[in-house]
Amino acid sequence: MANLTKRDLVVRISNETGMVQQDVLNIVQKTLDYLTESLAMGKTVELRNFGVFEIKLREARVGRNPNKPESDVPIPPRAVVKFKAGKEMKAKVAALSEKLIANANVKPAGENPPTA
């Protein structure tokens, strides 16, 4: 599967609405800028039927360098963006999961017999 890019969005919206691609690009970019600005101010961004972006604080912890596991690396606390999908997105992704599982002939977790 190919990734969806901002360019893909602009072209698709432009084709569906008849708007000039540059105008669509400006709107999409402004939307993303406002979302980023709100998150940077610590606000939660809620997009109905899509999902919620919110800032969470990760606590400080000790990490390890895989190349030098004997040395500890302190990881400071930091703010991260978390995303929680809305109902419609969850339903569509769940349908995709079922399709992918069926195509791969893979049993969902918990249905495989334990191996010795």
Foldseek 3Di string as FASTA:
>chain_A
DDDQDLLNVLVVVCVVPVDDSVVSSVVVVVVVVVVVVCQVVQHKDQDPQFWIKGKDKDAKDWDADPVGRVDIDTDHIDIDIDIDGHPNVVVVVVVVVVVVCVVVVHDPPPPDDDDD
